[in-house]
Amino acid sequence: MTVDLYPAIDLRAGKVVRLAQGDYARETVYGDDPVAVARSFADAGAPWVHIVDLDAARTGDPVNRPIIARVAAALAGHANLQTGGGVRSVADAEELARAGVSRVVMGSAAVADPESVVAASRVVDVAVGLDHRNGDLAVHGWTESSGVNLVEALGWFPTARAFVITDIARDGMLDGPDLEGLAMAVSSTSVPVIASGGVSSIDDVIVLSRIGGLGGIITGRALYEGRFSVGEAVDALRGVA
């Protein structure tokens, strides 16, 4: 299986930001032109760009949807766009599909109602976002525990095209990915797993890519802080493949 790179853009109030461990009070702003950032990722060879609408994830208000549509238009013919954050209904999925998004990520809504993924999958490809702390899934912008175990939830979504698995404790911390947990997840499902959280170096990218069956790697802060480039990561993944 090819391991794809998913450079990440987290949107809040129209700006490119990163949160430490999902904490909205611990925000770093990296830029105010998400379209230019996304296009730079595609120009460097990334096959996908991953966007999270943090405002929609927290409040349900899709204030960044017009920006997401502009990003999708800029990427058309160059890279695919995967978008999550506040995708809570089939109507949300339809709106994002019309905006040009290739795949939506459903998180809290999927965990609360797995059938919503089946319905949304009739409209657009759906990845299920499983964000966890020590295997316990968190919902509503990572502010609440769901009481559901990660491995258990992997069996709930027959139409999912991918699982985006985020270790919240590692997200935005540059502490390295949860290799053991990701390997367990990959071995528990035939659906491609996309790893998210903790990537700090090109070595992390290479080690992750060696998890048999892993489908993709999301990275954000390490790129913005210059620890490696999109081009370097894409080349490394091609070398492993």
Foldseek 3Di string as FASTA:
>chain_A
DFAAEAEEAEDDPQFGWFAQLLDPVRIDTLGRQVLVVLLVLLVLPHQEYEYEDLVCLQPVDPPCLVVLLSNLVSCVPRHAYEYEHNCQALVSLQSSVVSRHQEYEAEQNCVVPVVRQVVNLVRHAYEYEFEDAVQFGAGSSNPGTPRDGPLVCQPSHPRHQEYEYHHSNFAPPLQAFPQVVVLVNQVSHQHAYEYGGNNQALVSLLVNLPSPRHHYYYDYPNCSVPRDHSNVNVVSSVVSD
